[in-house]
Amino acid sequence: MPEAPLAAPPPLPKSQPSFGKRHSTIIKLLGVGALVLILLIPLLMITGVLTDRLQRRNEAVAEITSSWGKEQSVIGPVLGIPYQYKFKAVKEMPAPDGKMERREVEETAVTNAYFLPETLNVSGGAQTQMLHRGIYAATVFRAQMKLSGRFAPPDFGALKIDVKDVQWKDAFVTIAVNDLRGTREGIVLDWGGTKRPLLPGSQVPGYTTGATAPLGGDKPIGAPVEFSIPLDFNGSQGIYFAPFGVQNEATLKSAWPDPAFRGAFLPAERSVRADGFDAKWKVSYYGRDYPQSWTSRNGNERFTTKPLANRFSAHSSCRSWTRIDMSSARSNMACSFSCSCSQLSFSSK
């Protein structure tokens, strides 16, 4: 059977496709990329304007708050009682032959024992208002608070301190306040019915800004003592109170209509309304991580601050934990009690 003839191949095109047709996809992608880059130019210009406006706004708010009062932290009250103790030290002393030799000698020094209150109640309110600087505004507050509660008789046995070494005449009550410039009136301590003015300067370890009231009595504190400290101060951003009592209660009221409750301790009771809010916190000392009493012997105890874990905040995030760092015990103890209080805080937008 004869074979079928092979089909002739198709004729070649007279000319190849143009460059544009062969790379049309790549050209389209390059065009889209160029368009995106061109559109980024006005976006960058707008971003520059926004950044400049934000910087100016932050400067205006900082200027307003620096004049009115900054964020407030109230740490305390703390009962401090000096005592005398002996320790051994190695010193170089002249020997009979005239040479210097190292000898162990016994020396005496004075340091403080610190005691926290048995109960601590924080109550009051915050009145907010807007202050303007040009086109910018900042929310500030005036807080009228009261710290009250009871100190139990100091237990020196738990700290291994001999009572005969205690210097009762130099006992004091101290608090730390972040920005005393916002204080509107003098701070007075009511100590068992006796009023004593608090003088500028904090003796809470690690804090220099605050106030201290010398108790000025030679008699030992052998019975529970009621105390109260009214506070009237300006501030901004937030208020914080440390839960220094065995039992702590905080009650806060404000006309601010848009609060947010954040932190380790939410309010036990709260009511948020269009005309403001009120909230109440209850925290025991099991919710904190530092002791009820300690000493600053050998300078191995100090207070520092860390971001706050429990805070009542109307806007900003938690700011600081009150921390007691006792290197002698090799422990790292922190507590936060918020309204955003181991600090209570109120903040406003």
C-alpha atoms as a PDB file:
ATOM      1  CA  MET A   1       0.000   0.000   0.000  1.00  0.00           C
ATOM      2  CA  PRO A   2       1.541   3.347  -0.994  1.00  0.00           C
ATOM      3  CA  GLU A   3       2.548   5.672   1.952  1.00  0.00           C
ATOM      4  CA  ALA A   4       0.705   8.981   2.361  1.00  0.00           C
ATOM      5  CA  PRO A   5       2.772  12.019   1.528  1.00  0.00           C
ATOM      6  CA  LEU A   6       4.072  14.025   4.542  1.00  0.00           C
ATOM      7  CA  ALA A   7       2.281  17.307   5.280  1.00  0.00           C
ATOM      8  CA  ALA A   8       4.271  20.409   4.568  1.00  0.00           C
ATOM      9  CA  PRO A   9       5.283  22.484   7.667  1.00  0.00           C
ATOM     10  CA  PRO A  10       3.440  25.771   8.184  1.00  0.00           C
ATOM     11  CA  PRO A  11       5.160  28.735   6.654  1.00  0.00           C
ATOM     12  CA  LEU A  12       7.285  30.857   9.002  1.00  0.00           C
ATOM     13  CA  PRO A  13       5.918  34.332   9.840  1.00  0.00           C
ATOM     14  CA  LYS A  14       7.404  37.024   7.723  1.00  0.00           C
ATOM     15  CA  SER A  15       8.436  39.005  10.911  1.00  0.00           C
ATOM     16  CA  GLN A  16       8.844  38.347  14.710  1.00  0.00           C
ATOM     17  CA  PRO A  17       6.361  39.969  17.274  1.00  0.00           C
ATOM     18  CA  SER A  18       7.390  43.434  18.415  1.00  0.00           C
ATOM     19  CA  PHE A  19       9.258  43.991  21.736  1.00  0.00           C
ATOM     20  CA  GLY A  20       6.154  45.500  23.291  1.00  0.00           C
ATOM     21  CA  LYS A  21       4.013  42.502  22.483  1.00  0.00           C
ATOM     22  CA  ARG A  22       6.640  40.039  23.669  1.00  0.00           C
ATOM     23  CA  HIS A  23       7.176  41.844  27.058  1.00  0.00           C
ATOM     24  CA  SER A  24       3.770  43.403  27.564  1.00  0.00           C
ATOM     25  CA  THR A  25       3.292  41.846  31.060  1.00  0.00           C
ATOM     26  CA  ILE A  26       6.627  43.145  32.330  1.00  0.00           C
ATOM     27  CA  ILE A  27       5.924  46.604  30.945  1.00  0.00           C
ATOM     28  CA  LYS A  28       2.533  46.697  32.695  1.00  0.00           C
ATOM     29  CA  LEU A  29       4.125  45.684  36.010  1.00  0.00           C
ATOM     30  CA  LEU A  30       6.778  48.370  35.649  1.00  0.00           C
ATOM     31  CA  GLY A  31       4.077  50.945  34.928  1.00  0.00           C
ATOM     32  CA  VAL A  32       2.100  49.978  38.002  1.00  0.00           C
ATOM     33  CA  GLY A  33       5.267  50.186  40.116  1.00  0.00           C
ATOM     34  CA  ALA A  34       6.092  53.643  38.771  1.00  0.00           C
ATOM     35  CA  LEU A  35       2.538  54.804  39.499  1.00  0.00           C
ATOM     36  CA  VAL A  36       2.817  53.533  43.070  1.00  0.00           C
ATOM     37  CA  LEU A  37       6.094  55.404  43.564  1.00  0.00           C
ATOM     38  CA  ILE A  38       4.575  58.603  42.199  1.00  0.00           C
ATOM     39  CA  LEU A  39       1.594  58.289  44.565  1.00  0.00           C
ATOM     40  CA  LEU A  40       3.946  57.796  47.519  1.00  0.00           C
ATOM     41  CA  ILE A  41       5.256  61.340  47.112  1.00  0.00           C
ATOM     42  CA  PRO A  42       2.066  63.099  48.377  1.00  0.00           C
ATOM     43  CA  LEU A  43       1.674  60.396  51.034  1.00  0.00           C
ATOM     44  CA  LEU A  44       5.147  61.176  52.387  1.00  0.00           C
ATOM     45  CA  MET A  45       4.348  64.874  52.333  1.00  0.00           C
ATOM     46  CA  ILE A  46       1.177  64.272  54.371  1.00  0.00           C
ATOM     47  CA  THR A  47       3.073  62.017  56.788  1.00  0.00           C
ATOM     48  CA  GLY A  48       5.623  64.782  57.359  1.00  0.00           C
ATOM     49  CA  VAL A  49       2.861  67.267  58.163  1.00  0.00           C
ATOM     50  CA  LEU A  50       1.182  64.800  60.555  1.00  0.00           C
ATOM     51  CA  THR A  51       4.481  64.079  62.309  1.00  0.00           C
ATOM     52  CA  ASP A  52       5.149  67.789  62.719  1.00  0.00           C
ATOM     53  CA  ARG A  53       1.629  68.405  64.059  1.00  0.00           C
ATOM     54  CA  LEU A  54       1.967  65.466  66.502  1.00  0.00           C
ATOM     55  CA  GLN A  55       5.284  66.797  67.762  1.00  0.00           C
ATOM     56  CA  ARG A  56       3.807  70.247  68.274  1.00  0.00           C
ATOM     57  CA  ARG A  57       0.817  68.711  70.061  1.00  0.00           C
ATOM     58  CA  ASN A  58       3.086  66.696  72.401  1.00  0.00           C
ATOM     59  CA  GLU A  59       5.136  69.819  73.148  1.00  0.00           C
ATOM     60  CA  ALA A  60       1.971  71.803  73.933  1.00  0.00           C
ATOM     61  CA  VAL A  61       0.632  69.043  76.223  1.00  0.00           C
ATOM     62  CA  ALA A  62       4.018  68.720  77.969  1.00  0.00           C
ATOM     63  CA  GLU A  63       4.113  72.482  78.512  1.00  0.00           C
ATOM     64  CA  ILE A  64       0.585  72.501  79.957  1.00  0.00           C
ATOM     65  CA  THR A  65       1.134  69.528  82.269  1.00  0.00           C
ATOM     66  CA  SER A  66       4.533  70.769  83.448  1.00  0.00           C
ATOM     67  CA  SER A  67       2.850  73.952  84.675  1.00  0.00           C
ATOM     68  CA  TRP A  68      -0.314  72.336  86.052  1.00  0.00           C
ATOM     69  CA  GLY A  69       1.051  69.078  87.436  1.00  0.00           C
ATOM     70  CA  LYS A  70       2.411  65.834  86.015  1.00  0.00           C
ATOM     71  CA  GLU A  71       1.350  62.261  86.566  1.00  0.00           C
ATOM     72  CA  GLN A  72       0.982  61.667  90.308  1.00  0.00           C
ATOM     73  CA  SER A  73       2.170  58.663  92.296  1.00  0.00           C
ATOM     74  CA  VAL A  74       1.455  58.517  96.037  1.00  0.00           C
ATOM     75  CA  ILE A  75       3.561  55.907  97.862  1.00  0.00           C
ATOM     76  CA  GLY A  76       2.840  55.367 101.524  1.00  0.00           C
ATOM     77  CA  PRO A  77       2.388  56.166 104.280  1.00  0.00           C
ATOM     78  CA  VAL A  78       5.330  54.416 105.887  1.00  0.00           C
ATOM     79  CA  LEU A  79       6.252  54.484 109.584  1.00  0.00           C
ATOM     80  CA  GLY A  80      10.019  54.767 110.013  1.00  0.00           C
ATOM     81  CA  ILE A  81      11.758  54.215 113.354  1.00  0.00           C
ATOM     82  CA  PRO A  82      15.554  54.559 113.720  1.00  0.00           C
ATOM     83  CA  TYR A  83      17.440  52.008 115.781  1.00  0.00           C
ATOM     84  CA  GLN A  84      21.029  51.378 116.733  1.00  0.00           C
ATOM     85  CA  TYR A  85      22.890  48.219 115.838  1.00  0.00           C
ATOM     86  CA  LYS A  86      26.403  46.868 116.084  1.00  0.00           C
ATOM     87  CA  PHE A  87      28.459  45.245 113.374  1.00  0.00           C
ATOM     88  CA  LYS A  88      31.982  44.018 112.856  1.00  0.00           C
ATOM     89  CA  ALA A  89      34.361  45.660 110.412  1.00  0.00           C
ATOM     90  CA  VAL A  90      37.979  45.071 109.426  1.00  0.00           C
ATOM     91  CA  LYS A  91      40.222  48.131 109.686  1.00  0.00           C
ATOM     92  CA  GLU A  92      43.901  48.846 109.380  1.00  0.00           C
ATOM     93  CA  MET A  93      45.360  49.900 112.726  1.00  0.00           C
ATOM     94  CA  PRO A  94      48.944  50.612 113.902  1.00  0.00           C
ATOM     95  CA  ALA A  95      50.641  47.711 115.654  1.00  0.00           C
ATOM     96  CA  PRO A  96      53.086  48.098 118.600  1.00  0.00           C
ATOM     97  CA  ASP A  97      56.017  47.806 116.175  1.00  0.00           C
ATOM     98  CA  GLY A  98      54.689  50.743 114.151  1.00  0.00           C
ATOM     99  CA  LYS A  99      53.465  48.685 111.221  1.00  0.00           C
ATOM    100  CA  MET A 100      49.867  48.686 110.049  1.00  0.00           C
ATOM    101  CA  GLU A 101      47.851  45.559 110.562  1.00  0.00           C
ATOM    102  CA  ARG A 102      44.249  44.589 109.828  1.00  0.00           C
ATOM    103  CA  ARG A 103      42.038  44.059 112.854  1.00  0.00           C
ATOM    104  CA  GLU A 104      38.395  43.218 113.321  1.00  0.00           C
ATOM    105  CA  VAL A 105      36.611  45.860 115.380  1.00  0.00           C
ATOM    106  CA  GLU A 106      33.037  46.320 116.518  1.00  0.00           C
ATOM    107  CA  GLU A 107      31.263  49.501 115.443  1.00  0.00           C
ATOM    108  CA  THR A 108      27.873  51.066 116.041  1.00  0.00           C
ATOM    109  CA  ALA A 109      25.572  52.534 113.389  1.00  0.00           C
ATOM    110  CA  VAL A 110      22.021  53.840 113.151  1.00  0.00           C
ATOM    111  CA  THR A 111      19.531  52.839 110.470  1.00  0.00           C
ATOM    112  CA  ASN A 112      15.766  52.710 110.026  1.00  0.00           C
ATOM    113  CA  ALA A 113      13.126  50.050 110.439  1.00  0.00           C
ATOM    114  CA  TYR A 114      10.081  50.546 108.215  1.00  0.00           C
ATOM    115  CA  PHE A 115       6.520  49.460 108.959  1.00  0.00           C
ATOM    116  CA  LEU A 116       3.468  49.537 106.707  1.00  0.00           C
ATOM    117  CA  PRO A 117      -0.086  50.240 107.943  1.00  0.00           C
ATOM    118  CA  GLU A 118      -2.438  47.499 109.064  1.00  0.00           C
ATOM    119  CA  THR A 119      -5.331  49.066 107.128  1.00  0.00           C
ATOM    120  CA  LEU A 120      -5.224  51.622 104.334  1.00  0.00           C
ATOM    121  CA  ASN A 121      -8.239  53.439 102.913  1.00  0.00           C
ATOM    122  CA  VAL A 122      -7.980  55.741  99.899  1.00  0.00           C
ATOM    123  CA  SER A 123     -11.049  57.821  99.100  1.00  0.00           C
ATOM    124  CA  GLY A 124     -11.814  60.917  97.105  1.00  0.00           C
ATOM    125  CA  GLY A 125     -12.618  62.264  93.697  1.00  0.00           C
ATOM    126  CA  ALA A 126     -10.989  63.771  90.633  1.00  0.00           C
ATOM    127  CA  GLN A 127     -12.385  66.744  88.741  1.00  0.00           C
ATOM    128  CA  THR A 128     -11.228  66.850  85.130  1.00  0.00           C
ATOM    129  CA  GLN A 129     -11.001  69.817  82.793  1.00  0.00           C
ATOM    130  CA  MET A 130      -9.494  70.753  79.443  1.00  0.00           C
ATOM    131  CA  LEU A 131      -6.660  73.274  79.184  1.00  0.00           C
ATOM    132  CA  HIS A 132      -5.799  74.760  75.775  1.00  0.00           C
ATOM    133  CA  ARG A 133      -2.580  75.946  74.233  1.00  0.00           C
ATOM    134  CA  GLY A 134      -3.317  77.293  70.745  1.00  0.00           C
ATOM    135  CA  ILE A 135      -5.263  74.658  68.810  1.00  0.00           C
ATOM    136  CA  TYR A 136      -4.144  71.901  71.184  1.00  0.00           C
ATOM    137  CA  ALA A 137      -5.803  70.746  74.405  1.00  0.00           C
ATOM    138  CA  ALA A 138      -4.780  68.567  77.350  1.00  0.00           C
ATOM    139  CA  THR A 139      -6.949  66.904  79.975  1.00  0.00           C
ATOM    140  CA  VAL A 140      -5.871  67.617  83.540  1.00  0.00           C
ATOM    141  CA  PHE A 141      -7.424  66.945  86.924  1.00  0.00           C
ATOM    142  CA  ARG A 142      -7.666  68.220  90.450  1.00  0.00           C
ATOM    143  CA  ALA A 143      -7.769  65.373  92.958  1.00  0.00           C
ATOM    144  CA  GLN A 144      -9.004  65.680  96.514  1.00  0.00           C
ATOM    145  CA  MET A 145      -8.016  62.474  98.238  1.00  0.00           C
ATOM    146  CA  LYS A 146      -7.692  61.189 101.778  1.00  0.00           C
ATOM    147  CA  LEU A 147      -5.361  58.474 103.011  1.00  0.00           C
ATOM    148  CA  SER A 148      -6.522  56.974 106.284  1.00  0.00           C
ATOM    149  CA  GLY A 149      -6.103  53.797 108.251  1.00  0.00           C
ATOM    150  CA  ARG A 150      -4.344  52.297 111.246  1.00  0.00           C
ATOM    151  CA  PHE A 151      -0.789  51.339 112.176  1.00  0.00           C
ATOM    152  CA  ALA A 152      -0.355  48.339 114.458  1.00  0.00           C
ATOM    153  CA  PRO A 153       2.318  48.505 117.199  1.00  0.00           C
ATOM    154  CA  PRO A 154       5.711  47.887 115.544  1.00  0.00           C
ATOM    155  CA  ASP A 155       6.928  44.304 115.870  1.00  0.00           C
ATOM    156  CA  PHE A 156      10.708  44.570 116.287  1.00  0.00           C
ATOM    157  CA  GLY A 157      11.028  40.927 117.245  1.00  0.00           C
ATOM    158  CA  ALA A 158      10.228  39.833 113.682  1.00  0.00           C
ATOM    159  CA  LEU A 159      13.135  41.997 112.488  1.00  0.00           C
ATOM    160  CA  LYS A 160      15.454  40.736 115.258  1.00  0.00           C
ATOM    161  CA  ILE A 161      15.861  44.205 116.756  1.00  0.00           C
ATOM    162  CA  ASP A 162      16.334  44.720 120.496  1.00  0.00           C
ATOM    163  CA  VAL A 163      13.738  47.214 121.743  1.00  0.00           C
ATOM    164  CA  LYS A 164      16.348  48.958 123.921  1.00  0.00           C
ATOM    165  CA  ASP A 165      18.178  49.994 120.729  1.00  0.00           C
ATOM    166  CA  VAL A 166      15.123  51.751 119.267  1.00  0.00           C
ATOM    167  CA  GLN A 167      15.266  55.571 119.103  1.00  0.00           C
ATOM    168  CA  TRP A 168      11.609  56.502 119.488  1.00  0.00           C
ATOM    169  CA  LYS A 169      12.257  60.241 119.591  1.00  0.00           C
ATOM    170  CA  ASP A 170      13.301  60.208 115.920  1.00  0.00           C
ATOM    171  CA  ALA A 171      10.344  58.213 114.594  1.00  0.00           C
ATOM    172  CA  PHE A 172       8.592  59.626 111.527  1.00  0.00           C
ATOM    173  CA  VAL A 173       5.787  59.032 109.042  1.00  0.00           C
ATOM    174  CA  THR A 174       6.633  59.629 105.403  1.00  0.00           C
ATOM    175  CA  ILE A 175       5.006  59.498 101.985  1.00  0.00           C
ATOM    176  CA  ALA A 176       6.376  59.860  98.459  1.00  0.00           C
ATOM    177  CA  VAL A 177       4.550  62.067  95.948  1.00  0.00           C
ATOM    178  CA  ASN A 178       5.706  62.231  92.364  1.00  0.00           C
ATOM    179  CA  ASP A 179       5.125  65.956  91.715  1.00  0.00           C
ATOM    180  CA  LEU A 180       4.688  68.155  94.785  1.00  0.00           C
ATOM    181  CA  ARG A 181       4.375  71.254  92.609  1.00  0.00           C
ATOM    182  CA  GLY A 182       0.788  70.212  92.011  1.00  0.00           C
ATOM    183  CA  THR A 183      -0.007  70.290  95.734  1.00  0.00           C
ATOM    184  CA  ARG A 184      -2.559  73.038  96.360  1.00  0.00           C
ATOM    185  CA  GLU A 185      -2.434  73.120 100.178  1.00  0.00           C
ATOM    186  CA  GLY A 186      -0.113  72.135 103.000  1.00  0.00           C
ATOM    187  CA  ILE A 187      -0.113  68.438 103.878  1.00  0.00           C
ATOM    188  CA  VAL A 188      -0.982  67.649 107.489  1.00  0.00           C
ATOM    189  CA  LEU A 189      -0.808  64.284 109.238  1.00  0.00           C
ATOM    190  CA  ASP A 190      -3.415  63.435 111.842  1.00  0.00           C
ATOM    191  CA  TRP A 191      -1.593  60.930 114.088  1.00  0.00           C
ATOM    192  CA  GLY A 192      -3.850  59.571 116.810  1.00  0.00           C
ATOM    193  CA  GLY A 193      -5.719  62.881 117.062  1.00  0.00           C
ATOM    194  CA  THR A 194      -2.573  65.036 117.009  1.00  0.00           C
ATOM    195  CA  LYS A 195      -1.958  67.064 113.860  1.00  0.00           C
ATOM    196  CA  ARG A 196       1.588  67.297 112.577  1.00  0.00           C
ATOM    197  CA  PRO A 197       2.664  69.126 109.388  1.00  0.00           C
ATOM    198  CA  LEU A 198       4.532  67.111 106.791  1.00  0.00           C
ATOM    199  CA  LEU A 199       7.725  68.814 105.675  1.00  0.00           C
ATOM    200  CA  PRO A 200       9.089  68.572 102.112  1.00  0.00           C
ATOM    201  CA  GLY A 201      11.323  65.600 101.435  1.00  0.00           C
ATOM    202  CA  SER A 202      10.512  61.895 101.400  1.00  0.00           C
ATOM    203  CA  GLN A 203      12.261  59.240 103.467  1.00  0.00           C
ATOM    204  CA  VAL A 204      10.608  56.387 101.604  1.00  0.00           C
ATOM    205  CA  PRO A 205      13.685  54.479 100.364  1.00  0.00           C
ATOM    206  CA  GLY A 206      14.412  55.305  96.745  1.00  0.00           C
ATOM    207  CA  TYR A 207      12.176  58.396  96.559  1.00  0.00           C
ATOM    208  CA  THR A 208      13.300  61.950  97.236  1.00  0.00           C
ATOM    209  CA  THR A 209      10.119  63.840  96.368  1.00  0.00           C
ATOM    210  CA  GLY A 210       7.460  63.698  99.036  1.00  0.00           C
ATOM    211  CA  ALA A 211       6.832  64.785 102.611  1.00  0.00           C
ATOM    212  CA  THR A 212       7.768  63.621 106.121  1.00  0.00           C
ATOM    213  CA  ALA A 213       6.295  64.321 109.553  1.00  0.00           C
ATOM    214  CA  PRO A 214       8.506  63.788 112.644  1.00  0.00           C
ATOM    215  CA  LEU A 215       6.478  62.208 115.461  1.00  0.00           C
ATOM    216  CA  GLY A 216       8.742  63.669 118.130  1.00  0.00           C
ATOM    217  CA  GLY A 217       7.772  61.488 121.056  1.00  0.00           C
ATOM    218  CA  ASP A 218       9.921  59.478 123.456  1.00  0.00           C
ATOM    219  CA  LYS A 219       7.145  57.037 124.330  1.00  0.00           C
ATOM    220  CA  PRO A 220       7.055  53.684 122.528  1.00  0.00           C
ATOM    221  CA  ILE A 221       4.119  52.975 120.211  1.00  0.00           C
ATOM    222  CA  GLY A 222       2.446  50.255 122.224  1.00  0.00           C
ATOM    223  CA  ALA A 223      -1.095  50.467 120.863  1.00  0.00           C
ATOM    224  CA  PRO A 224      -2.671  50.799 117.394  1.00  0.00           C
ATOM    225  CA  VAL A 225      -2.667  54.374 116.057  1.00  0.00           C
ATOM    226  CA  GLU A 226      -5.249  55.833 113.666  1.00  0.00           C
ATOM    227  CA  PHE A 227      -3.942  58.191 110.987  1.00  0.00           C
ATOM    228  CA  SER A 228      -5.255  60.319 108.141  1.00  0.00           C
ATOM    229  CA  ILE A 229      -3.570  62.457 105.465  1.00  0.00           C
ATOM    230  CA  PRO A 230      -5.741  64.714 103.267  1.00  0.00           C
ATOM    231  CA  LEU A 231      -4.263  65.463  99.846  1.00  0.00           C
ATOM    232  CA  ASP A 232      -5.372  68.170  97.418  1.00  0.00           C
ATOM    233  CA  PHE A 233      -3.246  68.327  94.284  1.00  0.00           C
ATOM    234  CA  ASN A 234      -3.247  68.897  90.547  1.00  0.00           C
ATOM    235  CA  GLY A 235      -2.056  66.364  88.026  1.00  0.00           C
ATOM    236  CA  SER A 236      -2.429  64.854  84.597  1.00  0.00           C
ATOM    237  CA  GLN A 237      -2.425  61.424  82.941  1.00  0.00           C
ATOM    238  CA  GLY A 238      -2.957  59.429  86.129  1.00  0.00           C
ATOM    239  CA  ILE A 239      -2.958  58.981  89.911  1.00  0.00           C
ATOM    240  CA  TYR A 240      -1.378  55.953  91.566  1.00  0.00           C
ATOM    241  CA  PHE A 241      -1.553  54.661  95.129  1.00  0.00           C
ATOM    242  CA  ALA A 242       0.412  51.697  96.463  1.00  0.00           C
ATOM    243  CA  PRO A 243      -1.518  49.060  98.485  1.00  0.00           C
ATOM    244  CA  PHE A 244       0.660  49.236 101.582  1.00  0.00           C
ATOM    245  CA  GLY A 245      -1.901  47.943 104.074  1.00  0.00           C
ATOM    246  CA  VAL A 246      -2.752  44.429 105.136  1.00  0.00           C
ATOM    247  CA  GLN A 247      -6.260  45.353 103.989  1.00  0.00           C
ATOM    248  CA  ASN A 248      -6.633  48.031 101.316  1.00  0.00           C
ATOM    249  CA  GLU A 249      -9.740  49.788 100.088  1.00  0.00           C
ATOM    250  CA  ALA A 250      -9.880  52.504  97.454  1.00  0.00           C
ATOM    251  CA  THR A 251     -12.913  54.514  96.368  1.00  0.00           C
ATOM    252  CA  LEU A 252     -12.745  56.956  93.497  1.00  0.00           C
ATOM    253  CA  LYS A 253     -15.387  59.181  91.899  1.00  0.00           C
ATOM    254  CA  SER A 254     -15.106  61.423  88.877  1.00  0.00           C
ATOM    255  CA  ALA A 255     -17.204  63.194  86.261  1.00  0.00           C
ATOM    256  CA  TRP A 256     -15.117  61.565  83.529  1.00  0.00           C
ATOM    257  CA  PRO A 257     -17.664  59.579  81.459  1.00  0.00           C
ATOM    258  CA  ASP A 258     -15.341  57.199  79.604  1.00  0.00           C
ATOM    259  CA  PRO A 259     -13.112  55.225  81.979  1.00  0.00           C
ATOM    260  CA  ALA A 260     -11.336  51.953  81.259  1.00  0.00           C
ATOM    261  CA  PHE A 261     -10.482  49.456  84.003  1.00  0.00           C
ATOM    262  CA  ARG A 262      -7.198  47.657  83.486  1.00  0.00           C
ATOM    263  CA  GLY A 263      -4.557  45.920  85.534  1.00  0.00           C
ATOM    264  CA  ALA A 264      -4.139  43.130  88.033  1.00  0.00           C
ATOM    265  CA  PHE A 265      -7.044  44.265  90.248  1.00  0.00           C
ATOM    266  CA  LEU A 266     -10.384  45.168  88.740  1.00  0.00           C
ATOM    267  CA  PRO A 267     -12.862  47.129  90.874  1.00  0.00           C
ATOM    268  CA  ALA A 268     -14.968  45.058  93.228  1.00  0.00           C
ATOM    269  CA  GLU A 269     -17.806  47.497  92.522  1.00  0.00           C
ATOM    270  CA  ARG A 270     -18.194  50.048  89.741  1.00  0.00           C
ATOM    271  CA  SER A 271     -20.795  52.221  88.110  1.00  0.00           C
ATOM    272  CA  VAL A 272     -20.122  54.001  84.806  1.00  0.00           C
ATOM    273  CA  ARG A 273     -22.665  56.582  83.692  1.00  0.00           C
ATOM    274  CA  ALA A 274     -22.935  59.399  81.186  1.00  0.00           C
ATOM    275  CA  ASP A 275     -22.243  61.914  83.966  1.00  0.00           C
ATOM    276  CA  GLY A 276     -19.225  60.083  85.385  1.00  0.00           C
ATOM    277  CA  PHE A 277     -18.307  56.985  87.332  1.00  0.00           C
ATOM    278  CA  ASP A 278     -17.525  55.652  90.769  1.00  0.00           C
ATOM    279  CA  ALA A 279     -15.533  52.539  91.580  1.00  0.00           C
ATOM    280  CA  LYS A 280     -14.305  50.665  94.625  1.00  0.00           C
ATOM    281  CA  TRP A 281     -11.320  48.337  95.016  1.00  0.00           C
ATOM    282  CA  LYS A 282     -10.603  45.856  97.793  1.00  0.00           C
ATOM    283  CA  VAL A 283      -7.155  44.272  97.930  1.00  0.00           C
ATOM    284  CA  SER A 284      -5.441  42.307 100.701  1.00  0.00           C
ATOM    285  CA  TYR A 285      -1.699  42.072 101.182  1.00  0.00           C
ATOM    286  CA  TYR A 286      -1.814  38.619  99.587  1.00  0.00           C
ATOM    287  CA  GLY A 287      -2.203  40.451  96.299  1.00  0.00           C
ATOM    288  CA  ARG A 288       1.192  42.097  96.629  1.00  0.00           C
ATOM    289  CA  ASP A 289       4.724  40.788  96.768  1.00  0.00           C
ATOM    290  CA  TYR A 290       6.573  42.740  99.467  1.00  0.00           C
ATOM    291  CA  PRO A 291       6.705  42.441 103.269  1.00  0.00           C
ATOM    292  CA  GLN A 292       4.898  44.380 105.959  1.00  0.00           C
ATOM    293  CA  SER A 293       8.130  45.486 107.623  1.00  0.00           C
ATOM    294  CA  TRP A 294      11.815  45.585 106.751  1.00  0.00           C
ATOM    295  CA  THR A 295      15.070  47.335 107.622  1.00  0.00           C
ATOM    296  CA  SER A 296      17.646  49.239 105.601  1.00  0.00           C
ATOM    297  CA  ARG A 297      20.616  47.742 107.418  1.00  0.00           C
ATOM    298  CA  ASN A 298      23.830  47.776 105.395  1.00  0.00           C
ATOM    299  CA  GLY A 299      22.087  49.831 102.732  1.00  0.00           C
ATOM    300  CA  ASN A 300      20.776  46.690 101.038  1.00  0.00           C
ATOM    301  CA  GLU A 301      17.153  47.746 100.687  1.00  0.00           C
ATOM    302  CA  ARG A 302      15.734  50.141  98.153  1.00  0.00           C
ATOM    303  CA  PHE A 303      12.575  51.062  96.297  1.00  0.00           C
ATOM    304  CA  THR A 304      12.410  51.202  92.522  1.00  0.00           C
ATOM    305  CA  THR A 305       9.558  51.506  90.032  1.00  0.00           C
ATOM    306  CA  LYS A 306       8.362  49.130  87.346  1.00  0.00           C
ATOM    307  CA  PRO A 307       5.416  49.197  84.937  1.00  0.00           C
ATOM    308  CA  LEU A 308       2.220  49.126  86.944  1.00  0.00           C
ATOM    309  CA  ALA A 309       0.251  45.898  86.939  1.00  0.00           C
ATOM    310  CA  ASN A 310      -3.043  47.043  88.393  1.00  0.00           C
ATOM    311  CA  ARG A 311      -4.366  50.390  87.361  1.00  0.00           C
ATOM    312  CA  PHE A 312      -7.629  52.122  86.846  1.00  0.00           C
ATOM    313  CA  SER A 313      -7.161  54.051  83.658  1.00  0.00           C
ATOM    314  CA  ALA A 314      -9.418  56.211  81.591  1.00  0.00           C
ATOM    315  CA  HIS A 315      -6.981  56.147  78.725  1.00  0.00           C
ATOM    316  CA  SER A 316      -3.295  55.506  79.142  1.00  0.00           C
ATOM    317  CA  SER A 317      -1.654  52.166  79.845  1.00  0.00           C
ATOM    318  CA  CYS A 318      -0.243  51.027  83.170  1.00  0.00           C
ATOM    319  CA  ARG A 319       2.752  53.059  84.232  1.00  0.00           C
ATOM    320  CA  SER A 320       4.517  51.689  87.271  1.00  0.00           C
ATOM    321  CA  TRP A 321       4.745  48.937  89.867  1.00  0.00           C
ATOM    322  CA  THR A 322       5.966  49.906  93.270  1.00  0.00           C
ATOM    323  CA  ARG A 323       8.884  47.634  93.833  1.00  0.00           C
ATOM    324  CA  ILE A 324      10.885  46.858  96.940  1.00  0.00           C
ATOM    325  CA  ASP A 325      14.167  45.226  96.020  1.00  0.00           C
ATOM    326  CA  MET A 326      15.866  43.685  99.052  1.00  0.00           C
ATOM    327  CA  SER A 327      19.186  42.331  97.892  1.00  0.00           C
ATOM    328  CA  SER A 328      20.011  41.033 101.370  1.00  0.00           C
ATOM    329  CA  ALA A 329      17.142  38.586 101.040  1.00  0.00           C
ATOM    330  CA  ARG A 330      18.021  38.108  97.368  1.00  0.00           C
ATOM    331  CA  SER A 331      14.413  38.677  96.493  1.00  0.00           C
ATOM    332  CA  ASN A 332      12.657  40.811  93.949  1.00  0.00           C
ATOM    333  CA  MET A 333       9.268  41.858  95.262  1.00  0.00           C
ATOM    334  CA  ALA A 334       6.730  43.938  93.408  1.00  0.00           C
ATOM    335  CA  CYS A 335       3.144  44.994  93.860  1.00  0.00           C
ATOM    336  CA  SER A 336       0.636  47.074  91.968  1.00  0.00           C
ATOM    337  CA  PHE A 337      -2.764  48.238  93.147  1.00  0.00           C
ATOM    338  CA  SER A 338      -4.652  50.371  90.667  1.00  0.00           C
ATOM    339  CA  CYS A 339      -7.634  52.682  89.831  1.00  0.00           C
ATOM    340  CA  SER A 340      -4.788  51.928  86.780  1.00  0.00           C
ATOM    341  CA  CYS A 341      -3.048  50.837  91.973  1.00  0.00           C
ATOM    342  CA  SER A 342       0.401  47.729  93.264  1.00  0.00           C
ATOM    343  CA  GLN A 343      -0.849  51.245  92.498  1.00  0.00           C
ATOM    344  CA  LEU A 344      -4.223  52.809  92.189  1.00  0.00           C
ATOM    345  CA  SER A 345      -4.530  55.110  89.253  1.00  0.00           C
ATOM    346  CA  PHE A 346      -6.936  57.344  87.503  1.00  0.00           C
ATOM    347  CA  SER A 347      -6.147  58.584  84.043  1.00  0.00           C
ATOM    348  CA  SER A 348      -8.126  60.628  81.598  1.00  0.00           C
ATOM    349  CA  LYS A 349      -8.043  61.052  77.838  1.00  0.00           C
END
